[in-house]
Amino acid sequence: MTTRLIETWLPIAALGEESVRERRSMTALPPTYYLHVWWARRPLVASRAAILASLLPADADRERFMRVLGIHGDPAKTKLRILAAKRTGEDLGADPYGYPRAFQHLPTAEDLAWLS
């Protein structure tokens, strides 16, 4: 039996921060999904990561795995930078993560070719 990526490595901190980013509002207004809780909602990024990691072998390219998910940086380190900037009053700009939210990412043909 082949060992799978999910058994040996899964970037929990990065996936957790991306799941939090996914839930945050993109506008100043409260999100409409706060009006009614949908009990069966699953975090998209975390679900995609679990499925993909359960299909890939343990020696799969971890950097490509993250890029296919739409995580193009280190969201856990960026979150720490954001918290430090809030304490010091530093302005990190409109997009401190440097890439769109992972759930908005559409994998390219190259990404999909790597998976096959």
PDB file of N, CA and C in Angstrom:
ATOM      1  N   MET A   1       0.841  -1.177   0.000  1.00  0.00           N
ATOM      2  CA  MET A   1       0.000   0.000   0.000  1.00  0.00           C
ATOM      3  C   MET A   1       0.889   1.244   0.000  1.00  0.00           C
ATOM      4  N   THR A   2       0.568   2.187  -0.841  1.00  0.00           N
ATOM      5  CA  THR A   2       1.334   3.415  -0.975  1.00  0.00           C
ATOM      6  C   THR A   2       0.979   4.393   0.143  1.00  0.00           C
ATOM      7  N   THR A   3       2.008   5.002   0.724  1.00  0.00           N
ATOM      8  CA  THR A   3       1.789   6.038   1.733  1.00  0.00           C
ATOM      9  C   THR A   3       1.366   7.319   1.029  1.00  0.00           C
ATOM     10  N   ARG A   4       0.379   7.984   1.554  1.00  0.00           N
ATOM     11  CA  ARG A   4      -0.166   9.197   0.951  1.00  0.00           C
ATOM     12  C   ARG A   4       0.366  10.445   1.647  1.00  0.00           C
ATOM     13  N   LEU A   5       0.297  11.548   0.944  1.00  0.00           N
ATOM     14  CA  LEU A   5       0.799  12.820   1.457  1.00  0.00           C
ATOM     15  C   LEU A   5       0.112  13.217   2.762  1.00  0.00           C
ATOM     16  N   ILE A   6      -1.162  12.978   2.875  1.00  0.00           N
ATOM     17  CA  ILE A   6      -1.905  13.364   4.071  1.00  0.00           C
ATOM     18  C   ILE A   6      -1.402  12.618   5.314  1.00  0.00           C
ATOM     19  N   GLU A   7      -0.787  11.460   5.113  1.00  0.00           N
ATOM     20  CA  GLU A   7      -0.273  10.674   6.224  1.00  0.00           C
ATOM     21  C   GLU A   7       1.073  11.176   6.731  1.00  0.00           C
ATOM     22  N   THR A   8       1.794  11.889   5.876  1.00  0.00           N
ATOM     23  CA  THR A   8       3.138  12.325   6.250  1.00  0.00           C
ATOM     24  C   THR A   8       3.262  13.834   6.449  1.00  0.00           C
ATOM     25  N   TRP A   9       2.428  14.626   5.770  1.00  0.00           N
ATOM     26  CA  TRP A   9       2.577  16.081   5.835  1.00  0.00           C
ATOM     27  C   TRP A   9       1.278  16.755   5.420  1.00  0.00           C
ATOM     28  N   LEU A  10       0.881  17.733   6.171  1.00  0.00           N
ATOM     29  CA  LEU A  10      -0.248  18.583   5.815  1.00  0.00           C
ATOM     30  C   LEU A  10      -0.023  19.926   6.502  1.00  0.00           C
ATOM     31  N   PRO A  11       0.022  21.025   5.762  1.00  0.00           N
ATOM     32  CA  PRO A  11       0.336  22.339   6.338  1.00  0.00           C
ATOM     33  C   PRO A  11      -0.861  22.931   7.107  1.00  0.00           C
ATOM     34  N   ILE A  12      -1.060  22.460   8.302  1.00  0.00           N
ATOM     35  CA  ILE A  12      -2.244  22.824   9.089  1.00  0.00           C
ATOM     36  C   ILE A  12      -2.323  24.326   9.347  1.00  0.00           C
ATOM     37  N   ALA A  13      -1.211  24.967   9.710  1.00  0.00           N
ATOM     38  CA  ALA A  13      -1.236  26.408  10.001  1.00  0.00           C
ATOM     39  C   ALA A  13      -1.644  27.218   8.769  1.00  0.00           C
ATOM     40  N   ALA A  14      -1.083  26.889   7.626  1.00  0.00           N
ATOM     41  CA  ALA A  14      -1.418  27.601   6.383  1.00  0.00           C
ATOM     42  C   ALA A  14      -2.873  27.361   5.991  1.00  0.00           C
ATOM     43  N   LEU A  15      -3.317  26.124   6.099  1.00  0.00           N
ATOM     44  CA  LEU A  15      -4.706  25.813   5.753  1.00  0.00           C
ATOM     45  C   LEU A  15      -5.677  26.483   6.721  1.00  0.00           C
ATOM     46  N   GLY A  16      -5.317  26.528   7.983  1.00  0.00           N
ATOM     47  CA  GLY A  16      -6.168  27.196   8.971  1.00  0.00           C
ATOM     48  C   GLY A  16      -6.324  28.675   8.688  1.00  0.00           C
ATOM     49  N   GLU A  17      -5.221  29.340   8.378  1.00  0.00           N
ATOM     50  CA  GLU A  17      -5.289  30.774   8.080  1.00  0.00           C
ATOM     51  C   GLU A  17      -6.065  31.026   6.796  1.00  0.00           C
ATOM     52  N   GLU A  18      -5.890  30.188   5.791  1.00  0.00           N
ATOM     53  CA  GLU A  18      -6.653  30.353   4.555  1.00  0.00           C
ATOM     54  C   GLU A  18      -8.141  30.106   4.795  1.00  0.00           C
ATOM     55  N   SER A  19      -8.475  29.183   5.679  1.00  0.00           N
ATOM     56  CA  SER A  19      -9.882  28.947   6.013  1.00  0.00           C
ATOM     57  C   SER A  19     -10.475  30.157   6.714  1.00  0.00           C
ATOM     58  N   VAL A  20      -9.688  30.798   7.570  1.00  0.00           N
ATOM     59  CA  VAL A  20     -10.151  32.019   8.244  1.00  0.00           C
ATOM     60  C   VAL A  20     -10.315  33.140   7.225  1.00  0.00           C
ATOM     61  N   ARG A  21      -9.355  33.282   6.313  1.00  0.00           N
ATOM     62  CA  ARG A  21      -9.469  34.299   5.259  1.00  0.00           C
ATOM     63  C   ARG A  21     -10.707  34.060   4.410  1.00  0.00           C
ATOM     64  N   GLU A  22     -11.006  32.809   4.170  1.00  0.00           N
ATOM     65  CA  GLU A  22     -12.177  32.443   3.369  1.00  0.00           C
ATOM     66  C   GLU A  22     -13.460  32.921   4.038  1.00  0.00           C
ATOM     67  N   ARG A  23     -13.506  32.860   5.350  1.00  0.00           N
ATOM     68  CA  ARG A  23     -14.710  33.238   6.088  1.00  0.00           C
ATOM     69  C   ARG A  23     -14.836  34.747   6.304  1.00  0.00           C
ATOM     70  N   ARG A  24     -13.724  35.473   6.190  1.00  0.00           N
ATOM     71  CA  ARG A  24     -13.772  36.919   6.415  1.00  0.00           C
ATOM     72  C   ARG A  24     -14.528  37.614   5.302  1.00  0.00           C
ATOM     73  N   SER A  25     -15.155  38.710   5.676  1.00  0.00           N
ATOM     74  CA  SER A  25     -15.902  39.493   4.709  1.00  0.00           C
ATOM     75  C   SER A  25     -14.955  40.201   3.747  1.00  0.00           C
ATOM     76  N   MET A  26     -15.373  40.320   2.492  1.00  0.00           N
ATOM     77  CA  MET A  26     -14.587  41.040   1.500  1.00  0.00           C
ATOM     78  C   MET A  26     -15.004  42.503   1.422  1.00  0.00           C
ATOM     79  N   THR A  27     -16.023  42.872   2.176  1.00  0.00           N
ATOM     80  CA  THR A  27     -16.484  44.256   2.191  1.00  0.00           C
ATOM     81  C   THR A  27     -16.612  44.717   3.633  1.00  0.00           C
ATOM     82  N   ALA A  28     -16.907  45.987   3.811  1.00  0.00           N
ATOM     83  CA  ALA A  28     -17.089  46.532   5.149  1.00  0.00           C
ATOM     84  C   ALA A  28     -18.433  46.124   5.747  1.00  0.00           C
ATOM     85  N   LEU A  29     -19.353  45.701   4.894  1.00  0.00           N
ATOM     86  CA  LEU A  29     -20.668  45.288   5.373  1.00  0.00           C
ATOM     87  C   LEU A  29     -20.604  43.882   5.956  1.00  0.00           C
ATOM     88  N   PRO A  30     -21.479  43.565   6.912  1.00  0.00           N
ATOM     89  CA  PRO A  30     -21.479  42.190   7.423  1.00  0.00           C
ATOM     90  C   PRO A  30     -21.910  41.216   6.333  1.00  0.00           C
ATOM     91  N   PRO A  31     -21.268  40.059   6.259  1.00  0.00           N
ATOM     92  CA  PRO A  31     -21.635  39.102   5.217  1.00  0.00           C
ATOM     93  C   PRO A  31     -23.035  38.546   5.421  1.00  0.00           C
ATOM     94  N   THR A  32     -23.683  38.252   4.316  1.00  0.00           N
ATOM     95  CA  THR A  32     -25.058  37.755   4.401  1.00  0.00           C
ATOM     96  C   THR A  32     -25.133  36.391   5.058  1.00  0.00           C
ATOM     97  N   TYR A  33     -24.050  35.588   4.977  1.00  0.00           N
ATOM     98  CA  TYR A  33     -24.120  34.264   5.584  1.00  0.00           C
ATOM     99  C   TYR A  33     -24.051  34.319   7.104  1.00  0.00           C
ATOM    100  N   TYR A  34     -23.816  35.499   7.694  1.00  0.00           N
ATOM    101  CA  TYR A  34     -23.889  35.628   9.147  1.00  0.00           C
ATOM    102  C   TYR A  34     -25.343  35.726   9.614  1.00  0.00           C
ATOM    103  N   LEU A  35     -26.250  36.038   8.700  1.00  0.00           N
ATOM    104  CA  LEU A  35     -27.654  36.152   9.070  1.00  0.00           C
ATOM    105  C   LEU A  35     -28.261  34.790   9.373  1.00  0.00           C
ATOM    106  N   HIS A  36     -27.826  33.794   8.649  1.00  0.00           N
ATOM    107  CA  HIS A  36     -28.308  32.437   8.881  1.00  0.00           C
ATOM    108  C   HIS A  36     -27.125  31.479   8.753  1.00  0.00           C
ATOM    109  N   VAL A  37     -26.899  30.676   9.753  1.00  0.00           N
ATOM    110  CA  VAL A  37     -25.785  29.745   9.731  1.00  0.00           C
ATOM    111  C   VAL A  37     -26.172  28.516   8.910  1.00  0.00           C
ATOM    112  N   TRP A  38     -25.341  28.201   7.930  1.00  0.00           N
ATOM    113  CA  TRP A  38     -25.558  26.999   7.144  1.00  0.00           C
ATOM    114  C   TRP A  38     -24.720  25.909   7.797  1.00  0.00           C
ATOM    115  N   TRP A  39     -25.355  24.978   8.458  1.00  0.00           N
ATOM    116  CA  TRP A  39     -24.674  24.020   9.309  1.00  0.00           C
ATOM    117  C   TRP A  39     -23.759  23.074   8.545  1.00  0.00           C
ATOM    118  N   ALA A  40     -24.039  22.794   7.306  1.00  0.00           N
ATOM    119  CA  ALA A  40     -23.241  21.825   6.565  1.00  0.00           C
ATOM    120  C   ALA A  40     -22.109  22.461   5.777  1.00  0.00           C
ATOM    121  N   ARG A  41     -21.882  23.750   5.932  1.00  0.00           N
ATOM    122  CA  ARG A  41     -20.825  24.404   5.166  1.00  0.00           C
ATOM    123  C   ARG A  41     -19.458  23.859   5.565  1.00  0.00           C
ATOM    124  N   ARG A  42     -18.629  23.583   4.586  1.00  0.00           N
ATOM    125  CA  ARG A  42     -17.280  23.087   4.836  1.00  0.00           C
ATOM    126  C   ARG A  42     -16.269  24.109   4.331  1.00  0.00           C
ATOM    127  N   PRO A  43     -15.164  24.262   5.010  1.00  0.00           N
ATOM    128  CA  PRO A  43     -14.118  25.163   4.495  1.00  0.00           C
ATOM    129  C   PRO A  43     -13.586  24.627   3.169  1.00  0.00           C
ATOM    130  N   LEU A  44     -13.689  25.419   2.132  1.00  0.00           N
ATOM    131  CA  LEU A  44     -13.304  24.959   0.802  1.00  0.00           C
ATOM    132  C   LEU A  44     -11.840  24.575   0.715  1.00  0.00           C
ATOM    133  N   VAL A  45     -10.953  25.441   1.207  1.00  0.00           N
ATOM    134  CA  VAL A  45      -9.531  25.186   1.091  1.00  0.00           C
ATOM    135  C   VAL A  45      -9.139  23.941   1.882  1.00  0.00           C
ATOM    136  N   ALA A  46      -9.632  23.815   3.086  1.00  0.00           N
ATOM    137  CA  ALA A  46      -9.291  22.655   3.912  1.00  0.00           C
ATOM    138  C   ALA A  46      -9.832  21.366   3.290  1.00  0.00           C
ATOM    139  N   SER A  47     -11.021  21.415   2.738  1.00  0.00           N
ATOM    140  CA  SER A  47     -11.596  20.224   2.098  1.00  0.00           C
ATOM    141  C   SER A  47     -10.817  19.824   0.861  1.00  0.00           C
ATOM    142  N   ARG A  48     -10.469  20.808   0.043  1.00  0.00           N
ATOM    143  CA  ARG A  48      -9.687  20.506  -1.158  1.00  0.00           C
ATOM    144  C   ARG A  48      -8.324  19.939  -0.785  1.00  0.00           C
ATOM    145  N   ALA A  49      -7.712  20.504   0.253  1.00  0.00           N
ATOM    146  CA  ALA A  49      -6.395  20.026   0.690  1.00  0.00           C
ATOM    147  C   ALA A  49      -6.472  18.587   1.184  1.00  0.00           C
ATOM    148  N   ALA A  50      -7.474  18.267   1.970  1.00  0.00           N
ATOM    149  CA  ALA A  50      -7.612  16.905   2.499  1.00  0.00           C
ATOM    150  C   ALA A  50      -7.831  15.902   1.368  1.00  0.00           C
ATOM    151  N   ILE A  51      -8.660  16.260   0.408  1.00  0.00           N
ATOM    152  CA  ILE A  51      -8.928  15.348  -0.711  1.00  0.00           C
ATOM    153  C   ILE A  51      -7.678  15.163  -1.564  1.00  0.00           C
ATOM    154  N   LEU A  52      -7.040  16.273  -1.924  1.00  0.00           N
ATOM    155  CA  LEU A  52      -5.860  16.192  -2.774  1.00  0.00           C
ATOM    156  C   LEU A  52      -4.727  15.449  -2.074  1.00  0.00           C
ATOM    157  N   ALA A  53      -4.493  15.734  -0.799  1.00  0.00           N
ATOM    158  CA  ALA A  53      -3.412  15.075  -0.063  1.00  0.00           C
ATOM    159  C   ALA A  53      -3.683  13.590   0.137  1.00  0.00           C
ATOM    160  N   SER A  54      -4.944  13.211   0.156  1.00  0.00           N
ATOM    161  CA  SER A  54      -5.253  11.777   0.290  1.00  0.00           C
ATOM    162  C   SER A  54      -5.072  11.031  -1.025  1.00  0.00           C
ATOM    163  N   LEU A  55      -4.997  11.737  -2.141  1.00  0.00           N
ATOM    164  CA  LEU A  55      -4.803  11.108  -3.439  1.00  0.00           C
ATOM    165  C   LEU A  55      -3.340  11.075  -3.885  1.00  0.00           C
ATOM    166  N   LEU A  56      -2.547  12.039  -3.420  1.00  0.00           N
ATOM    167  CA  LEU A  56      -1.157  12.148  -3.860  1.00  0.00           C
ATOM    168  C   LEU A  56      -0.241  11.249  -3.040  1.00  0.00           C
ATOM    169  N   PRO A  57       0.836  10.749  -3.644  1.00  0.00           N
ATOM    170  CA  PRO A  57       1.803   9.960  -2.883  1.00  0.00           C
ATOM    171  C   PRO A  57       2.577  10.843  -1.909  1.00  0.00           C
ATOM    172  N   ALA A  58       3.188  10.240  -0.906  1.00  0.00           N
ATOM    173  CA  ALA A  58       3.891  10.983   0.146  1.00  0.00           C
ATOM    174  C   ALA A  58       5.052  11.803  -0.393  1.00  0.00           C
ATOM    175  N   ASP A  59       5.637  11.402  -1.512  1.00  0.00           N
ATOM    176  CA  ASP A  59       6.787  12.136  -2.055  1.00  0.00           C
ATOM    177  C   ASP A  59       6.380  13.216  -3.062  1.00  0.00           C
ATOM    178  N   ALA A  60       5.119  13.594  -3.099  1.00  0.00           N
ATOM    179  CA  ALA A  60       4.648  14.634  -4.020  1.00  0.00           C
ATOM    180  C   ALA A  60       5.314  15.969  -3.703  1.00  0.00           C
ATOM    181  N   ASP A  61       5.432  16.798  -4.717  1.00  0.00           N
ATOM    182  CA  ASP A  61       6.040  18.121  -4.576  1.00  0.00           C
ATOM    183  C   ASP A  61       5.142  19.008  -3.703  1.00  0.00           C
ATOM    184  N   ARG A  62       5.614  19.376  -2.536  1.00  0.00           N
ATOM    185  CA  ARG A  62       4.811  20.126  -1.569  1.00  0.00           C
ATOM    186  C   ARG A  62       4.540  21.558  -2.023  1.00  0.00           C
ATOM    187  N   GLU A  63       5.506  22.158  -2.690  1.00  0.00           N
ATOM    188  CA  GLU A  63       5.314  23.524  -3.194  1.00  0.00           C
ATOM    189  C   GLU A  63       4.214  23.550  -4.259  1.00  0.00           C
ATOM    190  N   ARG A  64       4.226  22.594  -5.139  1.00  0.00           N
ATOM    191  CA  ARG A  64       3.179  22.514  -6.172  1.00  0.00           C
ATOM    192  C   ARG A  64       1.821  22.218  -5.550  1.00  0.00           C
ATOM    193  N   PHE A  65       1.806  21.387  -4.530  1.00  0.00           N
ATOM    194  CA  PHE A  65       0.570  21.088  -3.802  1.00  0.00           C
ATOM    195  C   PHE A  65      -0.062  22.390  -3.291  1.00  0.00           C
ATOM    196  N   MET A  66       0.759  23.234  -2.682  1.00  0.00           N
ATOM    197  CA  MET A  66       0.249  24.504  -2.145  1.00  0.00           C
ATOM    198  C   MET A  66      -0.237  25.420  -3.275  1.00  0.00           C
ATOM    199  N   ARG A  67       0.487  25.467  -4.366  1.00  0.00           N
ATOM    200  CA  ARG A  67       0.095  26.332  -5.481  1.00  0.00           C
ATOM    201  C   ARG A  67      -1.212  25.868  -6.126  1.00  0.00           C
ATOM    202  N   VAL A  68      -1.417  24.559  -6.236  1.00  0.00           N
ATOM    203  CA  VAL A  68      -2.657  24.042  -6.805  1.00  0.00           C
ATOM    204  C   VAL A  68      -3.836  24.444  -5.923  1.00  0.00           C
ATOM    205  N   LEU A  69      -3.616  24.461  -4.623  1.00  0.00           N
ATOM    206  CA  LEU A  69      -4.680  24.874  -3.700  1.00  0.00           C
ATOM    207  C   LEU A  69      -4.968  26.369  -3.778  1.00  0.00           C
ATOM    208  N   GLY A  70      -4.017  27.144  -4.300  1.00  0.00           N
ATOM    209  CA  GLY A  70      -4.199  28.589  -4.373  1.00  0.00           C
ATOM    210  C   GLY A  70      -3.453  29.336  -3.298  1.00  0.00           C
ATOM    211  N   ILE A  71      -2.597  28.650  -2.558  1.00  0.00           N
ATOM    212  CA  ILE A  71      -1.802  29.287  -1.507  1.00  0.00           C
ATOM    213  C   ILE A  71      -0.437  29.582  -2.106  1.00  0.00           C
ATOM    214  N   HIS A  72      -0.179  30.853  -2.398  1.00  0.00           N
ATOM    215  CA  HIS A  72       1.025  31.258  -3.118  1.00  0.00           C
ATOM    216  C   HIS A  72       2.007  31.992  -2.224  1.00  0.00           C
ATOM    217  N   GLY A  73       1.960  31.738  -0.963  1.00  0.00           N
ATOM    218  CA  GLY A  73       2.859  32.355  -0.001  1.00  0.00           C
ATOM    219  C   GLY A  73       2.761  31.590   1.303  1.00  0.00           C
ATOM    220  N   ASP A  74       3.099  32.246   2.395  1.00  0.00           N
ATOM    221  CA  ASP A  74       2.990  31.621   3.712  1.00  0.00           C
ATOM    222  C   ASP A  74       1.975  32.416   4.532  1.00  0.00           C
ATOM    223  N   PRO A  75       0.706  32.009   4.518  1.00  0.00           N
ATOM    224  CA  PRO A  75      -0.321  32.786   5.216  1.00  0.00           C
ATOM    225  C   PRO A  75      -0.135  32.826   6.732  1.00  0.00           C
ATOM    226  N   ALA A  76       0.478  31.805   7.314  1.00  0.00           N
ATOM    227  CA  ALA A  76       0.685  31.806   8.763  1.00  0.00           C
ATOM    228  C   ALA A  76       1.694  32.890   9.153  1.00  0.00           C
ATOM    229  N   LYS A  77       2.799  33.002   8.402  1.00  0.00           N
ATOM    230  CA  LYS A  77       3.789  34.052   8.681  1.00  0.00           C
ATOM    231  C   LYS A  77       3.208  35.431   8.399  1.00  0.00           C
ATOM    232  N   THR A  78       2.417  35.538   7.344  1.00  0.00           N
ATOM    233  CA  THR A  78       1.797  36.822   7.017  1.00  0.00           C
ATOM    234  C   THR A  78       0.846  37.258   8.119  1.00  0.00           C
ATOM    235  N   LYS A  79       0.097  36.330   8.686  1.00  0.00           N
ATOM    236  CA  LYS A  79      -0.812  36.657   9.783  1.00  0.00           C
ATOM    237  C   LYS A  79      -0.032  37.210  10.974  1.00  0.00           C
ATOM    238  N   LEU A  80       1.122  36.619  11.278  1.00  0.00           N
ATOM    239  CA  LEU A  80       1.966  37.140  12.358  1.00  0.00           C
ATOM    240  C   LEU A  80       2.472  38.544  12.033  1.00  0.00           C
ATOM    241  N   ARG A  81       2.830  38.781  10.759  1.00  0.00           N
ATOM    242  CA  ARG A  81       3.249  40.125  10.343  1.00  0.00           C
ATOM    243  C   ARG A  81       2.115  41.124  10.501  1.00  0.00           C
ATOM    244  N   ILE A  82       0.894  40.718  10.175  1.00  0.00           N
ATOM    245  CA  ILE A  82      -0.264  41.601  10.304  1.00  0.00           C
ATOM    246  C   ILE A  82      -0.505  41.951  11.770  1.00  0.00           C
ATOM    247  N   LEU A  83      -0.424  40.967  12.641  1.00  0.00           N
ATOM    248  CA  LEU A  83      -0.616  41.219  14.074  1.00  0.00           C
ATOM    249  C   LEU A  83       0.459  42.149  14.622  1.00  0.00           C
ATOM    250  N   ALA A  84       1.723  41.947  14.201  1.00  0.00           N
ATOM    251  CA  ALA A  84       2.814  42.828  14.628  1.00  0.00           C
ATOM    252  C   ALA A  84       2.611  44.238  14.087  1.00  0.00           C
ATOM    253  N   ALA A  85       2.149  44.363  12.850  1.00  0.00           N
ATOM    254  CA  ALA A  85       1.915  45.682  12.249  1.00  0.00           C
ATOM    255  C   ALA A  85       0.795  46.421  12.966  1.00  0.00           C
ATOM    256  N   LYS A  86      -0.212  45.698  13.432  1.00  0.00           N
ATOM    257  CA  LYS A  86      -1.302  46.346  14.175  1.00  0.00           C
ATOM    258  C   LYS A  86      -0.788  46.923  15.491  1.00  0.00           C
ATOM    259  N   ARG A  87       0.141  46.203  16.136  1.00  0.00           N
ATOM    260  CA  ARG A  87       0.699  46.700  17.398  1.00  0.00           C
ATOM    261  C   ARG A  87       1.562  47.931  17.196  1.00  0.00           C
ATOM    262  N   THR A  88       2.313  47.969  16.092  1.00  0.00           N
ATOM    263  CA  THR A  88       3.231  49.084  15.847  1.00  0.00           C
ATOM    264  C   THR A  88       2.606  50.195  15.014  1.00  0.00           C
ATOM    265  N   GLY A  89       1.456  49.947  14.419  1.00  0.00           N
ATOM    266  CA  GLY A  89       0.813  50.954  13.584  1.00  0.00           C
ATOM    267  C   GLY A  89       1.346  50.978  12.164  1.00  0.00           C
ATOM    268  N   GLU A  90       2.113  49.983  11.779  1.00  0.00           N
ATOM    269  CA  GLU A  90       2.671  49.907  10.432  1.00  0.00           C
ATOM    270  C   GLU A  90       1.565  49.603   9.416  1.00  0.00           C
ATOM    271  N   ASP A  91       1.659  50.228   8.246  1.00  0.00           N
ATOM    272  CA  ASP A  91       0.690  49.985   7.176  1.00  0.00           C
ATOM    273  C   ASP A  91       1.281  48.979   6.193  1.00  0.00           C
ATOM    274  N   LEU A  92       0.647  47.830   6.060  1.00  0.00           N
ATOM    275  CA  LEU A  92       1.123  46.787   5.146  1.00  0.00           C
ATOM    276  C   LEU A  92       0.458  46.867   3.778  1.00  0.00           C
ATOM    277  N   GLY A  93      -0.384  47.844   3.568  1.00  0.00           N
ATOM    278  CA  GLY A  93      -1.046  47.996   2.283  1.00  0.00           C
ATOM    279  C   GLY A  93      -2.383  47.288   2.239  1.00  0.00           C
ATOM    280  N   ALA A  94      -3.006  47.342   1.088  1.00  0.00           N
ATOM    281  CA  ALA A  94      -4.349  46.778   0.935  1.00  0.00           C
ATOM    282  C   ALA A  94      -4.346  45.250   0.921  1.00  0.00           C
ATOM    283  N   ASP A  95      -3.265  44.641   0.454  1.00  0.00           N
ATOM    284  CA  ASP A  95      -3.220  43.177   0.355  1.00  0.00           C
ATOM    285  C   ASP A  95      -1.903  42.656   0.934  1.00  0.00           C
ATOM    286  N   PRO A  96      -1.828  42.503   2.253  1.00  0.00           N
ATOM    287  CA  PRO A  96      -0.566  42.051   2.857  1.00  0.00           C
ATOM    288  C   PRO A  96      -0.196  40.610   2.505  1.00  0.00           C
ATOM    289  N   TYR A  97      -1.161  39.807   2.104  1.00  0.00           N
ATOM    290  CA  TYR A  97      -0.858  38.422   1.748  1.00  0.00           C
ATOM    291  C   TYR A  97      -0.159  38.328   0.399  1.00  0.00           C
ATOM    292  N   GLY A  98      -0.425  39.263  -0.490  1.00  0.00           N
ATOM    293  CA  GLY A  98       0.243  39.290  -1.782  1.00  0.00           C
ATOM    294  C   GLY A  98      -0.368  38.386  -2.836  1.00  0.00           C
ATOM    295  N   TYR A  99      -1.460  37.724  -2.522  1.00  0.00           N
ATOM    296  CA  TYR A  99      -2.159  36.874  -3.488  1.00  0.00           C
ATOM    297  C   TYR A  99      -3.624  36.819  -3.082  1.00  0.00           C
ATOM    298  N   PRO A 100      -4.529  36.567  -4.038  1.00  0.00           N
ATOM    299  CA  PRO A 100      -5.959  36.503  -3.706  1.00  0.00           C
ATOM    300  C   PRO A 100      -6.258  35.322  -2.792  1.00  0.00           C
ATOM    301  N   ARG A 101      -7.417  35.345  -2.209  1.00  0.00           N
ATOM    302  CA  ARG A 101      -7.821  34.248  -1.341  1.00  0.00           C
ATOM    303  C   ARG A 101      -7.783  32.934  -2.112  1.00  0.00           C
ATOM    304  N   ALA A 102      -7.374  31.880  -1.416  1.00  0.00           N
ATOM    305  CA  ALA A 102      -7.137  30.595  -2.081  1.00  0.00           C
ATOM    306  C   ALA A 102      -8.396  30.021  -2.721  1.00  0.00           C
ATOM    307  N   PHE A 103      -9.559  30.274  -2.134  1.00  0.00           N
ATOM    308  CA  PHE A 103     -10.768  29.683  -2.708  1.00  0.00           C
ATOM    309  C   PHE A 103     -11.141  30.315  -4.041  1.00  0.00           C
ATOM    310  N   GLN A 104     -10.525  31.445  -4.386  1.00  0.00           N
ATOM    311  CA  GLN A 104     -10.796  32.100  -5.659  1.00  0.00           C
ATOM    312  C   GLN A 104      -9.870  31.603  -6.769  1.00  0.00           C
ATOM    313  N   HIS A 105      -8.878  30.807  -6.414  1.00  0.00           N
ATOM    314  CA  HIS A 105      -7.870  30.351  -7.372  1.00  0.00           C
ATOM    315  C   HIS A 105      -8.419  29.247  -8.275  1.00  0.00           C
ATOM    316  N   LEU A 106      -8.181  29.398  -9.562  1.00  0.00           N
ATOM    317  CA  LEU A 106      -8.517  28.352 -10.528  1.00  0.00           C
ATOM    318  C   LEU A 106      -7.206  27.752 -11.024  1.00  0.00           C
ATOM    319  N   PRO A 107      -6.975  26.477 -10.789  1.00  0.00           N
ATOM    320  CA  PRO A 107      -5.724  25.861 -11.235  1.00  0.00           C
ATOM    321  C   PRO A 107      -5.558  25.969 -12.749  1.00  0.00           C
ATOM    322  N   THR A 108      -4.317  26.109 -13.180  1.00  0.00           N
ATOM    323  CA  THR A 108      -4.008  26.189 -14.606  1.00  0.00           C
ATOM    324  C   THR A 108      -3.919  24.786 -15.192  1.00  0.00           C
ATOM    325  N   ALA A 109      -3.816  24.713 -16.507  1.00  0.00           N
ATOM    326  CA  ALA A 109      -3.662  23.418 -17.186  1.00  0.00           C
ATOM    327  C   ALA A 109      -2.373  22.736 -16.731  1.00  0.00           C
ATOM    328  N   GLU A 110      -1.324  23.523 -16.482  1.00  0.00           N
ATOM    329  CA  GLU A 110      -0.052  22.964 -15.994  1.00  0.00           C
ATOM    330  C   GLU A 110      -0.243  22.324 -14.622  1.00  0.00           C
ATOM    331  N   ASP A 111      -1.004  22.989 -13.746  1.00  0.00           N
ATOM    332  CA  ASP A 111      -1.279  22.434 -12.419  1.00  0.00           C
ATOM    333  C   ASP A 111      -2.009  21.099 -12.530  1.00  0.00           C
ATOM    334  N   LEU A 112      -2.975  21.051 -13.404  1.00  0.00           N
ATOM    335  CA  LEU A 112      -3.770  19.833 -13.563  1.00  0.00           C
ATOM    336  C   LEU A 112      -2.978  18.723 -14.227  1.00  0.00           C
ATOM    337  N   ALA A 113      -2.046  19.066 -15.126  1.00  0.00           N
ATOM    338  CA  ALA A 113      -1.199  18.061 -15.775  1.00  0.00           C
ATOM    339  C   ALA A 113      -0.297  17.396 -14.753  1.00  0.00           C
ATOM    340  N   TRP A 114       0.172  18.153 -13.775  1.00  0.00           N
ATOM    341  CA  TRP A 114       1.034  17.615 -12.723  1.00  0.00           C
ATOM    342  C   TRP A 114       0.309  16.565 -11.897  1.00  0.00           C
ATOM    343  N   LEU A 115      -0.984  16.724 -11.738  1.00  0.00           N
ATOM    344  CA  LEU A 115      -1.765  15.808 -10.907  1.00  0.00           C
ATOM    345  C   LEU A 115      -2.028  14.470 -11.591  1.00  0.00           C
ATOM    346  N   SER A 116      -1.968  14.448 -12.898  1.00  0.00           N
ATOM    347  CA  SER A 116      -2.308  13.193 -13.589  1.00  0.00           C
ATOM    348  C   SER A 116      -1.132  12.266 -13.742  1.00  0.00           C
TER     349      SER A 116
END
